[in-house]
Each structure stands twice: as structure tokens, then as C-alpha cells.
Amino acid sequence: MEPDQSYRFEAELWLYPGEKAAWHFITVPENVSRQIRFFAGKTNGFGSVRVTVRIGGSRWATSLFPDRKSGCFFLPVKAAVRKAEALHTGDRAQVELRTG
């Protein structure tokens, strides 16, 4: 993997569809997803990429997960972050990602 790469973007929080859905995600924009894929080189299981994320005052480590259909990565946003940042399904968030 290349040295740390940083990305900033704004995107909508969405709830994974399904009867018992509980996972919330943000779709990483296509252009950012392409850059991450290019610089990431070798990925973890399922094509995931380890990142550090900041939304508002919340910072955490997680993995981005690839979506074959869209070609974008999905960023999971855990409940503690949604609560701390008062984020709800459909809200837009300013996201900072760092790989490496």
C-alpha cells in the first residue's frame, strides 16, 4: 500500500435495505473509490480496505467494503458515531478518510 492517502467528500447516510436492516452506510463517491482502489494495492478479505475516518468530532478505524454493482466502496457508520454526530438516515455528512 502506498503511504497514507487522504480524501474528503460529502455524502448521504443510508440504511442497508432489508427486513431487519440495522447497518448504516455512506457510499464513497466513484472518483474517490477509484483513487482508493488504485493506491490500496493489496486489499483485505472481500476486497475491503482499512481506513481511519472522521465525521465531525468523531474519529474511528474501520474498513471500506466494495460494491460490485456500483464500483464504489461502502463506509459503515456505527451507531455511536451516528448518535454523537446526530446523523439520521438521509442526512449528508462531511467525511474525511485516510488510508495507510
PDB file of N, CA and C in Angstrom:
ATOM      1  N   MET A   1       0.842  -1.183   0.000  1.00  0.00           N
ATOM      2  CA  MET A   1       0.000   0.000   0.000  1.00  0.00           C
ATOM      3  C   MET A   1       0.883   1.240   0.000  1.00  0.00           C
ATOM      4  N   GLU A   2       0.461   2.219  -0.718  1.00  0.00           N
ATOM      5  CA  GLU A   2       1.158   3.495  -0.757  1.00  0.00           C
ATOM      6  C   GLU A   2       1.083   4.151   0.625  1.00  0.00           C
ATOM      7  N   PRO A   3       1.908   5.162   0.852  1.00  0.00           N
ATOM      8  CA  PRO A   3       1.782   5.921   2.101  1.00  0.00           C
ATOM      9  C   PRO A   3       0.364   6.469   2.240  1.00  0.00           C
ATOM     10  N   ASP A   4       0.069   6.947   3.421  1.00  0.00           N
ATOM     11  CA  ASP A   4      -1.272   7.462   3.704  1.00  0.00           C
ATOM     12  C   ASP A   4      -1.794   8.354   2.586  1.00  0.00           C
ATOM     13  N   GLN A   5      -3.038   8.128   2.227  1.00  0.00           N
ATOM     14  CA  GLN A   5      -3.753   8.961   1.267  1.00  0.00           C
ATOM     15  C   GLN A   5      -4.966   9.528   1.995  1.00  0.00           C
ATOM     16  N   SER A   6      -5.265  10.797   1.803  1.00  0.00           N
ATOM     17  CA  SER A   6      -6.409  11.432   2.454  1.00  0.00           C
ATOM     18  C   SER A   6      -7.435  11.854   1.421  1.00  0.00           C
ATOM     19  N   TYR A   7      -8.697  11.742   1.795  1.00  0.00           N
ATOM     20  CA  TYR A   7      -9.805  12.086   0.907  1.00  0.00           C
ATOM     21  C   TYR A   7     -10.877  12.799   1.724  1.00  0.00           C
ATOM     22  N   ARG A   8     -11.521  13.772   1.110  1.00  0.00           N
ATOM     23  CA  ARG A   8     -12.636  14.490   1.741  1.00  0.00           C
ATOM     24  C   ARG A   8     -13.790  14.537   0.757  1.00  0.00           C
ATOM     25  N   PHE A   9     -14.993  14.312   1.277  1.00  0.00           N
ATOM     26  CA  PHE A   9     -16.180  14.370   0.434  1.00  0.00           C
ATOM     27  C   PHE A   9     -17.413  14.499   1.317  1.00  0.00           C
ATOM     28  N   GLU A  10     -18.517  14.847   0.698  1.00  0.00           N
ATOM     29  CA  GLU A  10     -19.813  14.909   1.375  1.00  0.00           C
ATOM     30  C   GLU A  10     -20.711  13.871   0.728  1.00  0.00           C
ATOM     31  N   ALA A  11     -21.429  13.105   1.553  1.00  0.00           N
ATOM     32  CA  ALA A  11     -22.307  12.075   1.013  1.00  0.00           C
ATOM     33  C   ALA A  11     -23.426  11.774   2.011  1.00  0.00           C
ATOM     34  N   GLU A  12     -24.450  11.079   1.510  1.00  0.00           N
ATOM     35  CA  GLU A  12     -25.659  10.782   2.277  1.00  0.00           C
ATOM     36  C   GLU A  12     -25.536   9.475   3.060  1.00  0.00           C
ATOM     37  N   LEU A  13     -26.054   9.494   4.277  1.00  0.00           N
ATOM     38  CA  LEU A  13     -26.133   8.302   5.111  1.00  0.00           C
ATOM     39  C   LEU A  13     -27.369   7.513   4.716  1.00  0.00           C
ATOM     40  N   TRP A  14     -27.207   6.201   4.513  1.00  0.00           N
ATOM     41  CA  TRP A  14     -28.348   5.380   4.114  1.00  0.00           C
ATOM     42  C   TRP A  14     -28.387   4.090   4.925  1.00  0.00           C
ATOM     43  N   LEU A  15     -29.576   3.545   5.037  1.00  0.00           N
ATOM     44  CA  LEU A  15     -29.814   2.315   5.786  1.00  0.00           C
ATOM     45  C   LEU A  15     -29.806   1.148   4.822  1.00  0.00           C
ATOM     46  N   TYR A  16     -29.030   0.110   5.147  1.00  0.00           N
ATOM     47  CA  TYR A  16     -28.979  -1.073   4.290  1.00  0.00           C
ATOM     48  C   TYR A  16     -30.380  -1.654   4.170  1.00  0.00           C
ATOM     49  N   PRO A  17     -30.849  -1.919   2.946  1.00  0.00           N
ATOM     50  CA  PRO A  17     -32.223  -2.408   2.781  1.00  0.00           C
ATOM     51  C   PRO A  17     -32.390  -3.835   3.286  1.00  0.00           C
ATOM     52  N   GLY A  18     -33.567  -4.116   3.774  1.00  0.00           N
ATOM     53  CA  GLY A  18     -33.873  -5.457   4.260  1.00  0.00           C
ATOM     54  C   GLY A  18     -34.823  -5.389   5.427  1.00  0.00           C
ATOM     55  N   GLU A  19     -35.459  -6.503   5.678  1.00  0.00           N
ATOM     56  CA  GLU A  19     -36.477  -6.562   6.730  1.00  0.00           C
ATOM     57  C   GLU A  19     -35.929  -6.206   8.106  1.00  0.00           C
ATOM     58  N   LYS A  20     -34.752  -6.700   8.426  1.00  0.00           N
ATOM     59  CA  LYS A  20     -34.164  -6.457   9.744  1.00  0.00           C
ATOM     60  C   LYS A  20     -32.897  -5.612   9.631  1.00  0.00           C
ATOM     61  N   ALA A  21     -32.897  -4.673   8.711  1.00  0.00           N
ATOM     62  CA  ALA A  21     -31.713  -3.852   8.467  1.00  0.00           C
ATOM     63  C   ALA A  21     -31.377  -3.004   9.682  1.00  0.00           C
ATOM     64  N   ALA A  22     -30.097  -2.975  10.007  1.00  0.00           N
ATOM     65  CA  ALA A  22     -29.633  -2.146  11.110  1.00  0.00           C
ATOM     66  C   ALA A  22     -28.336  -1.421  10.750  1.00  0.00           C
ATOM     67  N   TRP A  23     -27.724  -1.788   9.633  1.00  0.00           N
ATOM     68  CA  TRP A  23     -26.455  -1.198   9.239  1.00  0.00           C
ATOM     69  C   TRP A  23     -26.675   0.074   8.431  1.00  0.00           C
ATOM     70  N   HIS A  24     -25.937   1.110   8.799  1.00  0.00           N
ATOM     71  CA  HIS A  24     -25.969   2.372   8.072  1.00  0.00           C
ATOM     72  C   HIS A  24     -24.638   2.545   7.348  1.00  0.00           C
ATOM     73  N   PHE A  25     -24.714   3.094   6.148  1.00  0.00           N
ATOM     74  CA  PHE A  25     -23.527   3.272   5.320  1.00  0.00           C
ATOM     75  C   PHE A  25     -23.532   4.636   4.662  1.00  0.00           C
ATOM     76  N   ILE A  26     -22.356   5.025   4.199  1.00  0.00           N
ATOM     77  CA  ILE A  26     -22.168   6.151   3.293  1.00  0.00           C
ATOM     78  C   ILE A  26     -21.457   5.585   2.080  1.00  0.00           C
ATOM     79  N   THR A  27     -21.939   5.898   0.893  1.00  0.00           N
ATOM     80  CA  THR A  27     -21.286   5.452  -0.327  1.00  0.00           C
ATOM     81  C   THR A  27     -20.159   6.420  -0.662  1.00  0.00           C
ATOM     82  N   VAL A  28     -18.960   5.889  -0.781  1.00  0.00           N
ATOM     83  CA  VAL A  28     -17.802   6.705  -1.162  1.00  0.00           C
ATOM     84  C   VAL A  28     -17.974   7.045  -2.646  1.00  0.00           C
ATOM     85  N   PRO A  29     -17.886   8.321  -3.015  1.00  0.00           N
ATOM     86  CA  PRO A  29     -18.083   8.707  -4.419  1.00  0.00           C
ATOM     87  C   PRO A  29     -17.189   7.904  -5.372  1.00  0.00           C
ATOM     88  N   GLU A  30     -17.660   7.754  -6.598  1.00  0.00           N
ATOM     89  CA  GLU A  30     -16.969   6.931  -7.592  1.00  0.00           C
ATOM     90  C   GLU A  30     -15.527   7.374  -7.814  1.00  0.00           C
ATOM     91  N   ASN A  31     -15.295   8.671  -7.955  1.00  0.00           N
ATOM     92  CA  ASN A  31     -13.936   9.144  -8.218  1.00  0.00           C
ATOM     93  C   ASN A  31     -13.002   8.858  -7.037  1.00  0.00           C
ATOM     94  N   VAL A  32     -13.497   9.002  -5.828  1.00  0.00           N
ATOM     95  CA  VAL A  32     -12.695   8.705  -4.636  1.00  0.00           C
ATOM     96  C   VAL A  32     -12.475   7.196  -4.533  1.00  0.00           C
ATOM     97  N   SER A  33     -13.515   6.408  -4.796  1.00  0.00           N
ATOM     98  CA  SER A  33     -13.389   4.947  -4.756  1.00  0.00           C
ATOM     99  C   SER A  33     -12.321   4.463  -5.737  1.00  0.00           C
ATOM    100  N   ARG A  34     -12.283   5.049  -6.926  1.00  0.00           N
ATOM    101  CA  ARG A  34     -11.267   4.665  -7.924  1.00  0.00           C
ATOM    102  C   ARG A  34      -9.861   4.961  -7.413  1.00  0.00           C
ATOM    103  N   GLN A  35      -9.680   6.134  -6.811  1.00  0.00           N
ATOM    104  CA  GLN A  35      -8.365   6.505  -6.286  1.00  0.00           C
ATOM    105  C   GLN A  35      -7.948   5.564  -5.161  1.00  0.00           C
ATOM    106  N   ILE A  36      -8.871   5.265  -4.263  1.00  0.00           N
ATOM    107  CA  ILE A  36      -8.558   4.360  -3.154  1.00  0.00           C
ATOM    108  C   ILE A  36      -8.168   2.990  -3.700  1.00  0.00           C
ATOM    109  N   ARG A  37      -8.934   2.484  -4.648  1.00  0.00           N
ATOM    110  CA  ARG A  37      -8.643   1.170  -5.238  1.00  0.00           C
ATOM    111  C   ARG A  37      -7.256   1.171  -5.893  1.00  0.00           C
ATOM    112  N   PHE A  38      -6.914   2.246  -6.587  1.00  0.00           N
ATOM    113  CA  PHE A  38      -5.626   2.362  -7.259  1.00  0.00           C
ATOM    114  C   PHE A  38      -4.471   2.349  -6.260  1.00  0.00           C
ATOM    115  N   PHE A  39      -4.581   3.146  -5.207  1.00  0.00           N
ATOM    116  CA  PHE A  39      -3.489   3.283  -4.246  1.00  0.00           C
ATOM    117  C   PHE A  39      -3.451   2.152  -3.214  1.00  0.00           C
ATOM    118  N   ALA A  40      -4.572   1.486  -2.987  1.00  0.00           N
ATOM    119  CA  ALA A  40      -4.631   0.462  -1.945  1.00  0.00           C
ATOM    120  C   ALA A  40      -3.789  -0.756  -2.290  1.00  0.00           C
ATOM    121  N   GLY A  41      -3.670  -1.082  -3.577  1.00  0.00           N
ATOM    122  CA  GLY A  41      -2.918  -2.274  -3.946  1.00  0.00           C
ATOM    123  C   GLY A  41      -3.600  -3.507  -3.387  1.00  0.00           C
ATOM    124  N   LYS A  42      -2.921  -4.229  -2.524  1.00  0.00           N
ATOM    125  CA  LYS A  42      -3.485  -5.433  -1.921  1.00  0.00           C
ATOM    126  C   LYS A  42      -4.546  -5.046  -0.890  1.00  0.00           C
ATOM    127  N   THR A  43      -5.707  -5.703  -0.969  1.00  0.00           N
ATOM    128  CA  THR A  43      -6.790  -5.417  -0.038  1.00  0.00           C
ATOM    129  C   THR A  43      -6.957  -6.570   0.943  1.00  0.00           C
ATOM    130  N   ASN A  44      -7.747  -6.355   1.977  1.00  0.00           N
ATOM    131  CA  ASN A  44      -8.065  -7.389   2.953  1.00  0.00           C
ATOM    132  C   ASN A  44      -9.150  -8.293   2.365  1.00  0.00           C
ATOM    133  N   GLY A  45      -9.685  -9.197   3.178  1.00  0.00           N
ATOM    134  CA  GLY A  45     -10.739 -10.097   2.733  1.00  0.00           C
ATOM    135  C   GLY A  45     -11.902  -9.359   2.099  1.00  0.00           C
ATOM    136  N   PHE A  46     -12.497  -9.951   1.089  1.00  0.00           N
ATOM    137  CA  PHE A  46     -13.647  -9.403   0.374  1.00  0.00           C
ATOM    138  C   PHE A  46     -13.325  -8.093  -0.340  1.00  0.00           C
ATOM    139  N   GLY A  47     -12.054  -7.770  -0.499  1.00  0.00           N
ATOM    140  CA  GLY A  47     -11.679  -6.527  -1.174  1.00  0.00           C
ATOM    141  C   GLY A  47     -11.791  -5.302  -0.292  1.00  0.00           C
ATOM    142  N   SER A  48     -11.891  -5.517   1.017  1.00  0.00           N
ATOM    143  CA  SER A  48     -12.033  -4.384   1.935  1.00  0.00           C
ATOM    144  C   SER A  48     -10.709  -3.638   2.090  1.00  0.00           C
ATOM    145  N   VAL A  49     -10.805  -2.380   2.474  1.00  0.00           N
ATOM    146  CA  VAL A  49      -9.642  -1.520   2.653  1.00  0.00           C
ATOM    147  C   VAL A  49      -9.747  -0.866   4.033  1.00  0.00           C
ATOM    148  N   ARG A  50      -8.697  -0.995   4.846  1.00  0.00           N
ATOM    149  CA  ARG A  50      -8.663  -0.384   6.175  1.00  0.00           C
ATOM    150  C   ARG A  50      -8.489   1.130   6.051  1.00  0.00           C
ATOM    151  N   VAL A  51      -9.282   1.872   6.829  1.00  0.00           N
ATOM    152  CA  VAL A  51      -9.222   3.333   6.807  1.00  0.00           C
ATOM    153  C   VAL A  51      -9.430   3.884   8.208  1.00  0.00           C
ATOM    154  N   THR A  52      -9.017   5.113   8.382  1.00  0.00           N
ATOM    155  CA  THR A  52      -9.384   5.914   9.539  1.00  0.00           C
ATOM    156  C   THR A  52     -10.337   6.974   9.028  1.00  0.00           C
ATOM    157  N   VAL A  53     -11.415   7.210   9.762  1.00  0.00           N
ATOM    158  CA  VAL A  53     -12.480   8.105   9.309  1.00  0.00           C
ATOM    159  C   VAL A  53     -12.711   9.195  10.344  1.00  0.00           C
ATOM    160  N   ARG A  54     -13.063  10.372   9.850  1.00  0.00           N
ATOM    161  CA  ARG A  54     -13.523  11.444  10.742  1.00  0.00           C
ATOM    162  C   ARG A  54     -14.790  12.027  10.154  1.00  0.00           C
ATOM    163  N   ILE A  55     -15.814  12.097  10.991  1.00  0.00           N
ATOM    164  CA  ILE A  55     -17.047  12.818  10.680  1.00  0.00           C
ATOM    165  C   ILE A  55     -17.305  13.704  11.886  1.00  0.00           C
ATOM    166  N   GLY A  56     -17.305  15.009  11.668  1.00  0.00           N
ATOM    167  CA  GLY A  56     -17.478  15.927  12.790  1.00  0.00           C
ATOM    168  C   GLY A  56     -16.361  15.719  13.797  1.00  0.00           C
ATOM    169  N   GLY A  57     -16.721  15.538  15.069  1.00  0.00           N
ATOM    170  CA  GLY A  57     -15.735  15.303  16.123  1.00  0.00           C
ATOM    171  C   GLY A  57     -15.441  13.837  16.366  1.00  0.00           C
ATOM    172  N   SER A  58     -16.046  12.966  15.594  1.00  0.00           N
ATOM    173  CA  SER A  58     -15.857  11.519  15.778  1.00  0.00           C
ATOM    174  C   SER A  58     -14.782  10.992  14.834  1.00  0.00           C
ATOM    175  N   ARG A  59     -13.912  10.164  15.396  1.00  0.00           N
ATOM    176  CA  ARG A  59     -12.823   9.563  14.611  1.00  0.00           C
ATOM    177  C   ARG A  59     -12.768   8.083  14.980  1.00  0.00           C
ATOM    178  N   TRP A  60     -12.663   7.199  13.962  1.00  0.00           N
ATOM    179  CA  TRP A  60     -12.595   5.765  14.233  1.00  0.00           C
ATOM    180  C   TRP A  60     -11.914   5.035  13.084  1.00  0.00           C
ATOM    181  N   ALA A  61     -11.486   3.811  13.360  1.00  0.00           N
ATOM    182  CA  ALA A  61     -10.886   2.943  12.347  1.00  0.00           C
ATOM    183  C   ALA A  61     -11.937   1.922  11.929  1.00  0.00           C
ATOM    184  N   THR A  62     -11.978   1.650  10.629  1.00  0.00           N
ATOM    185  CA  THR A  62     -12.934   0.690  10.086  1.00  0.00           C
ATOM    186  C   THR A  62     -12.413   0.203   8.739  1.00  0.00           C
ATOM    187  N   SER A  63     -13.245  -0.485   8.015  1.00  0.00           N
ATOM    188  CA  SER A  63     -12.916  -0.929   6.659  1.00  0.00           C
ATOM    189  C   SER A  63     -13.973  -0.445   5.693  1.00  0.00           C
ATOM    190  N   LEU A  64     -13.540  -0.128   4.479  1.00  0.00           N
ATOM    191  CA  LEU A  64     -14.458   0.146   3.382  1.00  0.00           C
ATOM    192  C   LEU A  64     -14.726  -1.176   2.683  1.00  0.00           C
ATOM    193  N   PHE A  65     -15.962  -1.370   2.232  1.00  0.00           N
ATOM    194  CA  PHE A  65     -16.336  -2.609   1.567  1.00  0.00           C
ATOM    195  C   PHE A  65     -16.756  -2.310   0.127  1.00  0.00           C
ATOM    196  N   PRO A  66     -16.220  -3.065  -0.837  1.00  0.00           N
ATOM    197  CA  PRO A  66     -16.533  -2.796  -2.238  1.00  0.00           C
ATOM    198  C   PRO A  66     -17.932  -3.264  -2.612  1.00  0.00           C
ATOM    199  N   ASP A  67     -18.576  -2.500  -3.479  1.00  0.00           N
ATOM    200  CA  ASP A  67     -19.865  -2.880  -4.052  1.00  0.00           C
ATOM    201  C   ASP A  67     -19.630  -3.136  -5.532  1.00  0.00           C
ATOM    202  N   ARG A  68     -19.770  -4.387  -5.948  1.00  0.00           N
ATOM    203  CA  ARG A  68     -19.505  -4.738  -7.340  1.00  0.00           C
ATOM    204  C   ARG A  68     -20.442  -4.026  -8.306  1.00  0.00           C
ATOM    205  N   LYS A  69     -21.680  -3.832  -7.903  1.00  0.00           N
ATOM    206  CA  LYS A  69     -22.673  -3.227  -8.800  1.00  0.00           C
ATOM    207  C   LYS A  69     -22.311  -1.778  -9.159  1.00  0.00           C
ATOM    208  N   SER A  70     -22.010  -0.972  -8.138  1.00  0.00           N
ATOM    209  CA  SER A  70     -21.732   0.449  -8.378  1.00  0.00           C
ATOM    210  C   SER A  70     -20.262   0.732  -8.657  1.00  0.00           C
ATOM    211  N   GLY A  71     -19.382  -0.166  -8.200  1.00  0.00           N
ATOM    212  CA  GLY A  71     -17.949   0.077  -8.330  1.00  0.00           C
ATOM    213  C   GLY A  71     -17.412   0.980  -7.236  1.00  0.00           C
ATOM    214  N   CYS A  72     -18.274   1.354  -6.298  1.00  0.00           N
ATOM    215  CA  CYS A  72     -17.887   2.235  -5.199  1.00  0.00           C
ATOM    216  C   CYS A  72     -17.637   1.419  -3.930  1.00  0.00           C
ATOM    217  N   PHE A  73     -17.030   2.069  -2.956  1.00  0.00           N
ATOM    218  CA  PHE A  73     -16.891   1.470  -1.634  1.00  0.00           C
ATOM    219  C   PHE A  73     -18.029   1.950  -0.749  1.00  0.00           C
ATOM    220  N   PHE A  74     -18.412   1.111   0.210  1.00  0.00           N
ATOM    221  CA  PHE A  74     -19.383   1.483   1.239  1.00  0.00           C
ATOM    222  C   PHE A  74     -18.633   1.667   2.548  1.00  0.00           C
ATOM    223  N   LEU A  75     -18.937   2.763   3.238  1.00  0.00           N
ATOM    224  CA  LEU A  75     -18.355   3.077   4.535  1.00  0.00           C
ATOM    225  C   LEU A  75     -19.403   2.814   5.617  1.00  0.00           C
ATOM    226  N   PRO A  76     -19.184   1.828   6.498  1.00  0.00           N
ATOM    227  CA  PRO A  76     -20.136   1.601   7.581  1.00  0.00           C
ATOM    228  C   PRO A  76     -20.002   2.712   8.631  1.00  0.00           C
ATOM    229  N   VAL A  77     -21.140   3.192   9.121  1.00  0.00           N
ATOM    230  CA  VAL A  77     -21.146   4.243  10.137  1.00  0.00           C
ATOM    231  C   VAL A  77     -21.848   3.688  11.365  1.00  0.00           C
ATOM    232  N   LYS A  78     -21.072   3.418  12.411  1.00  0.00           N
ATOM    233  CA  LYS A  78     -21.616   2.748  13.588  1.00  0.00           C
ATOM    234  C   LYS A  78     -22.543   3.663  14.387  1.00  0.00           C
ATOM    235  N   ALA A  79     -23.380   3.017  15.195  1.00  0.00           N
ATOM    236  CA  ALA A  79     -24.411   3.725  15.963  1.00  0.00           C
ATOM    237  C   ALA A  79     -23.825   4.807  16.864  1.00  0.00           C
ATOM    238  N   ALA A  80     -22.695   4.536  17.505  1.00  0.00           N
ATOM    239  CA  ALA A  80     -22.100   5.527  18.415  1.00  0.00           C
ATOM    240  C   ALA A  80     -21.742   6.811  17.672  1.00  0.00           C
ATOM    241  N   VAL A  81     -21.265   6.682  16.438  1.00  0.00           N
ATOM    242  CA  VAL A  81     -20.924   7.864  15.632  1.00  0.00           C
ATOM    243  C   VAL A  81     -22.196   8.590  15.218  1.00  0.00           C
ATOM    244  N   ARG A  82     -23.189   7.840  14.752  1.00  0.00           N
ATOM    245  CA  ARG A  82     -24.448   8.473  14.340  1.00  0.00           C
ATOM    246  C   ARG A  82     -25.063   9.249  15.505  1.00  0.00           C
ATOM    247  N   LYS A  83     -25.017   8.671  16.688  1.00  0.00           N
ATOM    248  CA  LYS A  83     -25.580   9.340  17.870  1.00  0.00           C
ATOM    249  C   LYS A  83     -24.758  10.586  18.230  1.00  0.00           C
ATOM    250  N   ALA A  84     -23.443  10.444  18.283  1.00  0.00           N
ATOM    251  CA  ALA A  84     -22.573  11.566  18.655  1.00  0.00           C
ATOM    252  C   ALA A  84     -22.683  12.731  17.683  1.00  0.00           C
ATOM    253  N   GLU A  85     -22.908  12.427  16.407  1.00  0.00           N
ATOM    254  CA  GLU A  85     -22.959  13.459  15.374  1.00  0.00           C
ATOM    255  C   GLU A  85     -24.388  13.809  14.959  1.00  0.00           C
ATOM    256  N   ALA A  86     -25.381  13.239  15.669  1.00  0.00           N
ATOM    257  CA  ALA A  86     -26.805  13.478  15.389  1.00  0.00           C
ATOM    258  C   ALA A  86     -27.124  13.230  13.915  1.00  0.00           C
ATOM    259  N   LEU A  87     -26.634  12.111  13.392  1.00  0.00           N
ATOM    260  CA  LEU A  87     -26.872  11.741  11.999  1.00  0.00           C
ATOM    261  C   LEU A  87     -28.017  10.749  11.899  1.00  0.00           C
ATOM    262  N   HIS A  88     -28.873  10.960  10.921  1.00  0.00           N
ATOM    263  CA  HIS A  88     -30.014  10.083  10.678  1.00  0.00           C
ATOM    264  C   HIS A  88     -30.043   9.719   9.198  1.00  0.00           C
ATOM    265  N   THR A  89     -30.707   8.631   8.890  1.00  0.00           N
ATOM    266  CA  THR A  89     -30.838   8.192   7.505  1.00  0.00           C
ATOM    267  C   THR A  89     -31.273   9.370   6.628  1.00  0.00           C
ATOM    268  N   GLY A  90     -30.568   9.576   5.528  1.00  0.00           N
ATOM    269  CA  GLY A  90     -30.878  10.671   4.610  1.00  0.00           C
ATOM    270  C   GLY A  90     -30.067  11.924   4.850  1.00  0.00           C
ATOM    271  N   ASP A  91     -29.432  12.048   6.018  1.00  0.00           N
ATOM    272  CA  ASP A  91     -28.583  13.214   6.288  1.00  0.00           C
ATOM    273  C   ASP A  91     -27.309  13.136   5.464  1.00  0.00           C
ATOM    274  N   ARG A  92     -26.772  14.294   5.142  1.00  0.00           N
ATOM    275  CA  ARG A  92     -25.485  14.359   4.442  1.00  0.00           C
ATOM    276  C   ARG A  92     -24.405  14.645   5.476  1.00  0.00           C
ATOM    277  N   ALA A  93     -23.239  14.030   5.280  1.00  0.00           N
ATOM    278  CA  ALA A  93     -22.134  14.202   6.228  1.00  0.00           C
ATOM    279  C   ALA A  93     -20.867  14.565   5.473  1.00  0.00           C
ATOM    280  N   GLN A  94     -20.043  15.379   6.108  1.00  0.00           N
ATOM    281  CA  GLN A  94     -18.699  15.676   5.613  1.00  0.00           C
ATOM    282  C   GLN A  94     -17.796  14.574   6.131  1.00  0.00           C
ATOM    283  N   VAL A  95     -17.122  13.875   5.231  1.00  0.00           N
ATOM    284  CA  VAL A  95     -16.313  12.717   5.590  1.00  0.00           C
ATOM    285  C   VAL A  95     -14.858  12.974   5.238  1.00  0.00           C
ATOM    286  N   GLU A  96     -13.976  12.592   6.156  1.00  0.00           N
ATOM    287  CA  GLU A  96     -12.530  12.579   5.882  1.00  0.00           C
ATOM    288  C   GLU A  96     -12.077  11.135   6.061  1.00  0.00           C
ATOM    289  N   LEU A  97     -11.435  10.590   5.028  1.00  0.00           N
ATOM    290  CA  LEU A  97     -10.903   9.225   5.059  1.00  0.00           C
ATOM    291  C   LEU A  97      -9.397   9.284   4.940  1.00  0.00           C
ATOM    292  N   ARG A  98      -8.719   8.381   5.631  1.00  0.00           N
ATOM    293  CA  ARG A  98      -7.267   8.247   5.488  1.00  0.00           C
ATOM    294  C   ARG A  98      -6.955   6.764   5.347  1.00  0.00           C
ATOM    295  N   THR A  99      -6.263   6.411   4.289  1.00  0.00           N
ATOM    296  CA  THR A  99      -5.796   5.033   4.113  1.00  0.00           C
ATOM    297  C   THR A  99      -4.363   4.931   4.589  1.00  0.00           C
ATOM    298  N   GLY A 100      -3.885   3.720   4.757  1.00  0.00           N
ATOM    299  CA  GLY A 100      -2.482   3.524   5.104  1.00  0.00           C
ATOM    300  C   GLY A 100      -2.247   3.262   6.559  1.00  0.00           C
TER     301      GLY A 100
END
